[in-house]
Amino acid sequence: MAKIGRNAPCPCGSGKKYKKCCLHKNASAPAQPPGKRRIHWSISEIESFSTDEIVSKLRAFGAPFEKDRFLTEVKRFYSAEELAGHWWQKYSITATGFDEDFLWMACVVLWNRLAPDVVNSERLNDMIQQGYDLLEQERKGGARTKVVEACNLWLEAWEHLKQRFTADMKTIEDTGRVFVGAEELFNWCQDLEIELLNAGLVDPALFEKRIRYCREFCDLFPDSDELLMCNMKRAEAEAHFALGRQEEGDRLFAELVARFPANPWGYIGWGDMYAWPLKNEGARDVEKAKRLYEMGLQANVKEKQDILDRLKGLEEED
């Protein structure tokens, strides 16, 4: 029986990822002798065992678990799954069939119990998924503060992730070796930027956090593709407008269009701040918005249609 990856399709046939389905379900069948397991292990089942019981079973499978060594090893690996893989390579593991998954699940549980201060990828992945769950709750009619809660949770995950990034990682795609989860960091980082806007509309303190996050991202990953960098810098400038700092917002947008003169979204974002001010913090200035949109047309941007649509929308309002 091949080892099931946490992000692989669940063997129950639900179509969901294993982590999002049977991984956390309680197993109802009694425990089987090593090598005779009839069903998949789950995290919740292993959590029901005492630490001594888990350690005893690990040793029975050939993993000579020692607490002091374990507390050293958790600082060498980013995830429990990586550490369990190290055990497979280093020791003569006898687990077969369904029991093969016991090692990494046991590693997750023991890591949480014995080294809770060392945040592993499994916990970071859980934090990211919890954030998406909170956003889904809001979309289904939950409290508007759910987006604030989600963003604060994601920013906590970001703080832990930053400690893993190294100077040779120039784009977010370069971070694949330090985190593997249900979501690609490339996508999640952009979701965080977007949701920080929505959160700021509920609690302005999140606009300050949006500014800091976008700056950090651009400083950490300066070689990111143009669209991503443009969006991050645009988000920073927008947040200043939302906080009533029009002069700083103008300065940042001017820098943005100077750096990416052929990208229409710098001009669009800038004009939008005057066409449709965020939270009504600034006075609406339709004529200035038109001038900023037209600046993009004069700069011969790559795609003009989105700018033309903005101008048409303003004309239809007149």
Protein backbone atom coordinates (compact mmCIF):
# COMPACT_ATOMS: atom_id res chain seq x y z
CA MET A 1 0.00 0.00 0.00
CA ALA A 2 1.57 3.28 -1.12
CA LYS A 3 1.90 6.14 1.34
CA ILE A 4 -0.87 8.72 0.94
CA GLY A 5 0.23 12.31 0.55
CA ARG A 6 -1.69 14.92 2.51
CA ASN A 7 -2.71 16.70 -0.69
CA ALA A 8 -3.50 13.55 -2.67
CA PRO A 9 -7.10 12.56 -3.52
CA CYS A 10 -8.75 10.91 -0.53
CA PRO A 11 -8.93 7.11 -0.91
CA CYS A 12 -12.55 7.17 0.25
CA GLY A 13 -13.52 8.43 -3.22
CA SER A 14 -15.04 11.75 -2.10
CA GLY A 15 -13.00 13.71 -4.63
CA LYS A 16 -11.56 15.91 -1.89
CA LYS A 17 -7.95 16.12 -0.85
CA TYR A 18 -6.97 13.56 1.79
CA LYS A 19 -6.17 16.39 4.26
CA LYS A 20 -9.62 17.92 3.79
CA CYS A 21 -11.46 14.62 4.14
CA CYS A 22 -10.55 11.41 5.99
CA LEU A 23 -7.26 12.65 7.43
CA HIS A 24 -9.04 14.16 10.42
CA LYS A 25 -11.85 11.66 10.81
CA ASN A 26 -11.96 9.34 13.76
CA ALA A 27 -11.27 5.76 12.84
CA SER A 28 -13.89 3.40 14.22
CA ALA A 29 -12.12 0.08 13.80
CA PRO A 30 -9.89 -1.29 16.59
CA ALA A 31 -6.13 -0.95 16.31
CA GLN A 32 -4.39 -3.70 14.37
CA PRO A 33 -0.97 -5.27 14.92
CA PRO A 34 1.91 -3.68 12.93
CA GLY A 35 1.56 -4.45 9.24
CA LYS A 36 -2.03 -5.63 9.64
CA ARG A 37 -3.81 -2.29 9.57
CA ARG A 38 -7.14 -2.55 7.73
CA ILE A 39 -8.02 1.13 7.45
CA HIS A 40 -6.23 4.44 7.02
CA TRP A 41 -4.85 6.21 10.05
CA SER A 42 -6.18 9.66 10.93
CA ILE A 43 -4.63 12.48 12.91
CA SER A 44 -7.57 12.47 15.33
CA GLU A 45 -7.11 8.78 16.10
CA ILE A 46 -3.43 9.23 16.87
CA GLU A 47 -4.25 12.29 18.98
CA SER A 48 -6.35 9.99 21.20
CA PHE A 49 -3.20 8.04 22.12
CA SER A 50 -0.93 9.04 24.98
CA THR A 51 2.55 10.23 24.05
CA ASP A 52 4.00 7.02 25.48
CA GLU A 53 1.67 4.94 23.31
CA ILE A 54 2.69 6.83 20.17
CA VAL A 55 6.37 6.51 20.99
CA SER A 56 5.98 2.80 21.71
CA LYS A 57 4.33 2.24 18.34
CA LEU A 58 7.00 4.25 16.52
CA ARG A 59 9.69 2.13 18.09
CA ALA A 60 7.79 -1.02 17.14
CA PHE A 61 7.98 0.17 13.53
CA GLY A 62 11.74 0.70 13.77
CA ALA A 63 11.91 4.43 14.54
CA PRO A 64 14.11 4.69 17.67
CA PHE A 65 12.33 7.78 19.02
CA GLU A 66 14.13 9.77 21.70
CA LYS A 67 12.68 13.06 22.96
CA ASP A 68 15.94 15.03 23.08
CA ARG A 69 16.88 14.01 19.54
CA PHE A 70 13.36 14.81 18.35
CA LEU A 71 13.51 18.32 19.82
CA THR A 72 16.73 18.87 17.89
CA GLU A 73 15.36 17.42 14.66
CA VAL A 74 12.25 19.63 14.57
CA LYS A 75 14.57 22.63 14.15
CA ARG A 76 16.20 21.04 11.11
CA PHE A 77 13.06 20.36 9.10
CA TYR A 78 10.21 22.59 7.94
CA SER A 79 7.48 19.96 8.20
CA ALA A 80 6.56 16.80 10.07
CA GLU A 81 6.29 15.07 6.72
CA GLU A 82 9.90 15.94 5.90
CA LEU A 83 11.06 14.71 9.30
CA ALA A 84 9.17 11.45 8.86
CA GLY A 85 10.81 11.07 5.44
CA HIS A 86 14.18 11.45 7.16
CA TRP A 87 13.25 8.58 9.49
CA TRP A 88 12.39 6.40 6.51
CA GLN A 89 15.80 7.03 5.01
CA LYS A 90 17.81 6.74 8.21
CA TYR A 91 16.18 3.79 9.95
CA SER A 92 14.97 0.34 8.95
CA ILE A 93 11.26 1.09 9.11
CA THR A 94 9.04 -1.98 9.10
CA ALA A 95 5.67 -0.27 8.62
CA THR A 96 3.77 -1.53 5.58
CA GLY A 97 0.38 -0.98 4.03
CA PHE A 98 -1.84 1.49 5.84
CA ASP A 99 0.69 1.68 8.66
CA GLU A 100 3.10 3.62 6.44
CA ASP A 101 1.13 6.80 7.17
CA PHE A 102 1.44 6.36 10.91
CA LEU A 103 4.97 7.79 10.99
CA TRP A 104 4.26 11.24 9.61
CA MET A 105 0.93 11.57 11.39
CA ALA A 106 2.57 10.57 14.67
CA CYS A 107 5.27 13.12 13.91
CA VAL A 108 2.61 15.82 13.50
CA VAL A 109 1.00 14.97 16.83
CA LEU A 110 4.28 14.70 18.74
CA TRP A 111 5.55 17.94 17.21
CA ASN A 112 2.43 19.77 18.41
CA ARG A 113 2.77 18.29 21.88
CA LEU A 114 6.50 18.45 22.47
CA ALA A 115 7.61 21.43 20.39
CA PRO A 116 4.58 23.75 20.00
CA ASP A 117 6.87 26.79 19.78
CA VAL A 118 8.42 25.50 16.55
CA VAL A 119 5.82 26.20 13.86
CA ASN A 120 5.87 23.56 11.14
CA SER A 121 4.40 23.64 7.65
CA GLU A 122 1.43 21.57 8.73
CA ARG A 123 0.39 24.21 11.23
CA LEU A 124 1.03 27.02 8.76
CA ASN A 125 -1.10 25.19 6.21
CA ASP A 126 -3.87 24.84 8.81
CA MET A 127 -3.72 28.58 9.52
CA ILE A 128 -4.01 29.38 5.82
CA GLN A 129 -6.92 26.99 5.38
CA GLN A 130 -8.66 28.38 8.46
CA GLY A 131 -8.40 31.81 6.87
CA TYR A 132 -10.12 30.58 3.72
CA ASP A 133 -12.80 28.94 5.87
CA LEU A 134 -13.46 32.25 7.64
CA LEU A 135 -13.78 34.05 4.30
CA GLU A 136 -16.22 31.40 3.11
CA GLN A 137 -18.27 31.87 6.29
CA GLU A 138 -18.53 35.58 5.58
CA ARG A 139 -19.54 34.97 1.98
CA LYS A 140 -22.34 32.76 3.26
CA GLY A 141 -23.74 35.51 5.46
CA GLY A 142 -21.39 35.50 8.42
CA ALA A 143 -20.19 38.58 10.28
CA ARG A 144 -18.22 41.12 8.25
CA THR A 145 -15.47 40.87 10.84
CA LYS A 146 -14.63 37.39 9.54
CA VAL A 147 -12.42 38.96 6.86
CA VAL A 148 -10.51 40.86 9.56
CA GLU A 149 -10.08 37.67 11.54
CA ALA A 150 -8.90 35.82 8.43
CA CYS A 151 -6.37 38.50 7.51
CA ASN A 152 -4.92 38.67 11.01
CA LEU A 153 -4.52 34.89 10.98
CA TRP A 154 -2.86 35.03 7.55
CA LEU A 155 -0.53 37.82 8.65
CA GLU A 156 0.53 35.65 11.59
CA ALA A 157 1.33 32.88 9.11
CA TRP A 158 3.24 35.42 6.98
CA GLU A 159 5.41 36.35 9.97
CA HIS A 160 6.42 32.71 10.40
CA LEU A 161 7.00 32.25 6.68
CA LYS A 162 9.27 35.31 6.47
CA GLN A 163 11.71 33.58 8.78
CA ARG A 164 12.16 30.86 6.15
CA PHE A 165 12.86 33.14 3.20
CA THR A 166 16.50 33.59 2.27
CA ALA A 167 18.39 36.21 0.28
CA ASP A 168 18.65 33.98 -2.79
CA MET A 169 14.85 33.80 -3.09
CA LYS A 170 14.10 36.66 -5.48
CA THR A 171 10.54 35.67 -6.45
CA ILE A 172 7.75 34.01 -4.52
CA GLU A 173 8.09 30.97 -6.79
CA ASP A 174 11.57 30.45 -5.32
CA THR A 175 10.06 29.58 -1.92
CA GLY A 176 8.79 26.14 -2.89
CA ARG A 177 11.50 24.36 -0.92
CA VAL A 178 10.54 26.00 2.38
CA PHE A 179 6.77 25.45 2.32
CA VAL A 180 4.42 22.93 0.77
CA GLY A 181 0.73 23.15 1.53
CA ALA A 182 -2.73 22.89 0.03
CA GLU A 183 -2.32 26.37 -1.48
CA GLU A 184 0.55 27.69 -3.58
CA LEU A 185 2.21 30.66 -1.88
CA PHE A 186 2.12 32.47 -5.24
CA ASN A 187 -1.69 32.46 -5.15
CA TRP A 188 -2.12 32.87 -1.41
CA CYS A 189 0.09 35.97 -1.22
CA GLN A 190 -2.11 37.67 -3.81
CA ASP A 191 -5.28 36.60 -1.98
CA LEU A 192 -3.86 38.16 1.19
CA GLU A 193 -3.26 41.47 -0.57
CA ILE A 194 -6.84 41.50 -1.92
CA GLU A 195 -8.48 40.52 1.35
CA LEU A 196 -6.50 43.15 3.25
CA LEU A 197 -8.40 45.71 1.17
CA ASN A 198 -11.73 44.18 2.17
CA ALA A 199 -10.61 43.96 5.80
CA GLY A 200 -9.50 47.60 5.76
CA LEU A 201 -12.98 48.66 4.74
CA VAL A 202 -14.18 47.08 8.00
CA ASP A 203 -11.25 48.06 10.23
CA PRO A 204 -8.91 50.82 8.92
CA ALA A 205 -6.05 49.35 10.98
CA LEU A 206 -5.84 46.66 8.30
CA PHE A 207 -4.93 49.32 5.72
CA GLU A 208 -1.77 50.02 7.73
CA LYS A 209 -1.05 46.30 7.74
CA ARG A 210 -1.68 46.18 4.00
CA ILE A 211 0.95 48.86 3.47
CA ARG A 212 3.51 47.00 5.56
CA TYR A 213 2.76 43.64 3.95
CA CYS A 214 3.03 44.94 0.38
CA ARG A 215 6.31 46.71 1.13
CA GLU A 216 7.74 43.56 2.70
CA PHE A 217 6.67 41.44 -0.23
CA CYS A 218 8.30 43.76 -2.78
CA ASP A 219 11.49 44.01 -0.72
CA LEU A 220 11.70 40.23 -0.28
CA PHE A 221 10.88 39.31 -3.88
CA PRO A 222 12.14 42.14 -6.12
CA ASP A 223 12.35 39.97 -9.25
CA SER A 224 8.67 39.01 -9.20
CA ASP A 225 6.81 39.37 -12.49
CA GLU A 226 5.57 42.79 -13.53
CA LEU A 227 1.87 42.21 -12.88
CA LEU A 228 2.45 40.94 -9.36
CA MET A 229 4.80 43.81 -8.47
CA CYS A 230 2.40 46.31 -10.02
CA ASN A 231 -0.50 44.94 -7.98
CA MET A 232 1.45 45.03 -4.72
CA LYS A 233 2.65 48.60 -5.24
CA ARG A 234 -0.80 49.67 -6.37
CA ALA A 235 -2.27 48.14 -3.19
CA GLU A 236 0.18 50.10 -1.05
CA ALA A 237 -0.75 53.37 -2.75
CA GLU A 238 -4.49 52.60 -2.47
CA ALA A 239 -4.15 52.03 1.26
CA HIS A 240 -2.67 55.49 1.73
CA PHE A 241 -5.63 57.01 -0.10
CA ALA A 242 -8.00 54.99 2.09
CA LEU A 243 -6.29 56.43 5.18
CA GLY A 244 -6.64 59.98 3.87
CA ARG A 245 -2.99 60.36 2.82
CA GLN A 246 -3.66 61.62 -0.69
CA GLU A 247 -0.25 63.23 -1.18
CA GLU A 248 1.62 60.02 -0.32
CA GLY A 249 -0.78 58.00 -2.45
CA ASP A 250 -0.15 60.30 -5.42
CA ARG A 251 3.60 60.00 -4.93
CA LEU A 252 3.48 56.20 -4.89
CA PHE A 253 1.24 56.00 -7.95
CA ALA A 254 3.56 58.39 -9.81
CA GLU A 255 6.47 56.07 -9.00
CA LEU A 256 4.42 53.08 -10.11
CA VAL A 257 3.51 54.40 -13.56
CA ALA A 258 7.08 55.64 -14.04
CA ARG A 259 8.40 52.15 -13.34
CA PHE A 260 5.77 50.34 -15.43
CA PRO A 261 4.66 52.89 -18.06
CA ALA A 262 3.16 50.28 -20.39
CA ASN A 263 1.05 48.62 -17.69
CA PRO A 264 -2.51 50.03 -17.69
CA TRP A 265 -3.30 49.08 -14.10
CA GLY A 266 -1.13 51.73 -12.54
CA TYR A 267 -3.08 54.47 -14.32
CA ILE A 268 -6.38 52.71 -13.67
CA GLY A 269 -5.66 52.32 -9.96
CA TRP A 270 -4.61 55.94 -9.69
CA GLY A 271 -7.64 57.25 -11.53
CA ASP A 272 -9.96 55.03 -9.51
CA MET A 273 -8.87 56.82 -6.33
CA TYR A 274 -10.49 59.99 -7.69
CA ALA A 275 -13.36 58.41 -9.61
CA TRP A 276 -14.47 56.19 -6.74
CA PRO A 277 -12.71 57.16 -3.48
CA LEU A 278 -12.32 54.35 -0.94
CA LYS A 279 -14.63 54.84 2.06
CA ASN A 280 -15.30 58.39 0.85
CA GLU A 281 -12.11 59.54 2.56
CA GLY A 282 -11.23 61.75 -0.39
CA ALA A 283 -13.28 64.17 -2.42
CA ARG A 284 -14.41 62.80 -5.75
CA ASP A 285 -12.68 64.48 -8.68
CA VAL A 286 -13.98 63.06 -11.94
CA GLU A 287 -11.97 65.41 -14.12
CA LYS A 288 -8.72 64.39 -12.46
CA ALA A 289 -9.69 60.74 -12.80
CA LYS A 290 -10.20 61.26 -16.53
CA ARG A 291 -6.81 62.95 -16.85
CA LEU A 292 -5.10 60.04 -15.12
CA TYR A 293 -6.85 57.48 -17.31
CA GLU A 294 -5.95 59.46 -20.42
CA MET A 295 -2.33 59.59 -19.25
CA GLY A 296 -2.30 55.82 -19.70
CA LEU A 297 -3.65 56.12 -23.22
CA GLN A 298 -0.98 58.69 -24.07
CA ALA A 299 1.69 56.36 -22.67
CA ASN A 300 0.60 53.76 -25.22
CA VAL A 301 -0.11 51.03 -22.68
CA LYS A 302 -0.22 47.37 -23.73
CA GLU A 303 -3.96 46.95 -23.22
CA LYS A 304 -6.12 50.07 -23.66
CA GLN A 305 -9.57 48.54 -23.39
CA ASP A 306 -9.75 48.53 -19.59
CA ILE A 307 -8.87 52.24 -19.53
CA LEU A 308 -11.42 52.96 -22.23
CA ASP A 309 -14.04 51.10 -20.19
CA ARG A 310 -13.27 53.30 -17.19
CA LEU A 311 -13.65 56.45 -19.27
CA LYS A 312 -16.91 55.18 -20.75
CA GLY A 313 -18.22 54.45 -17.28
CA LEU A 314 -17.57 58.03 -16.20
CA GLU A 315 -19.22 59.40 -19.34
CA GLU A 316 -22.32 57.29 -18.74
CA GLU A 317 -22.61 58.77 -15.24
CA ASP A 318 -22.77 62.32 -16.63
